[in-house]
């Protein structure tokens, strides 16, 4: 009887161990699947962040180029204004020389 009781206890213990082993394997499988899902989620987040960073960098370069273009345009506008001033000054000088030339011709004719 003792031997039979010991065998039954041993069988129950083996059944419990088998059941626990099954539960542990299932939980391990679930954890592995969750971990894979989390890694895929992390990868998606990293890819999205890389894409956003790339877009920000592109926008920053465009803004920098636009700023440089704006500065260049302002510089060209200043140069154009200086050139206009020079042209106006040359016109005034030419008009003055023409007037002086006419006066000299008139003086020569009177002579």
Foldseek 3Di string as FASTA:
>chain_A
DVVVVVVVVVVVVVVVVVVVVVVVVVVVVVVVVVVVVVVVVVVVVVVVVVVVVVVVVVVVVVVVVVVVVVVVVVVVVVVVVVVVVVVVVVVVVVVVVVVVVVVVVVVVVVD
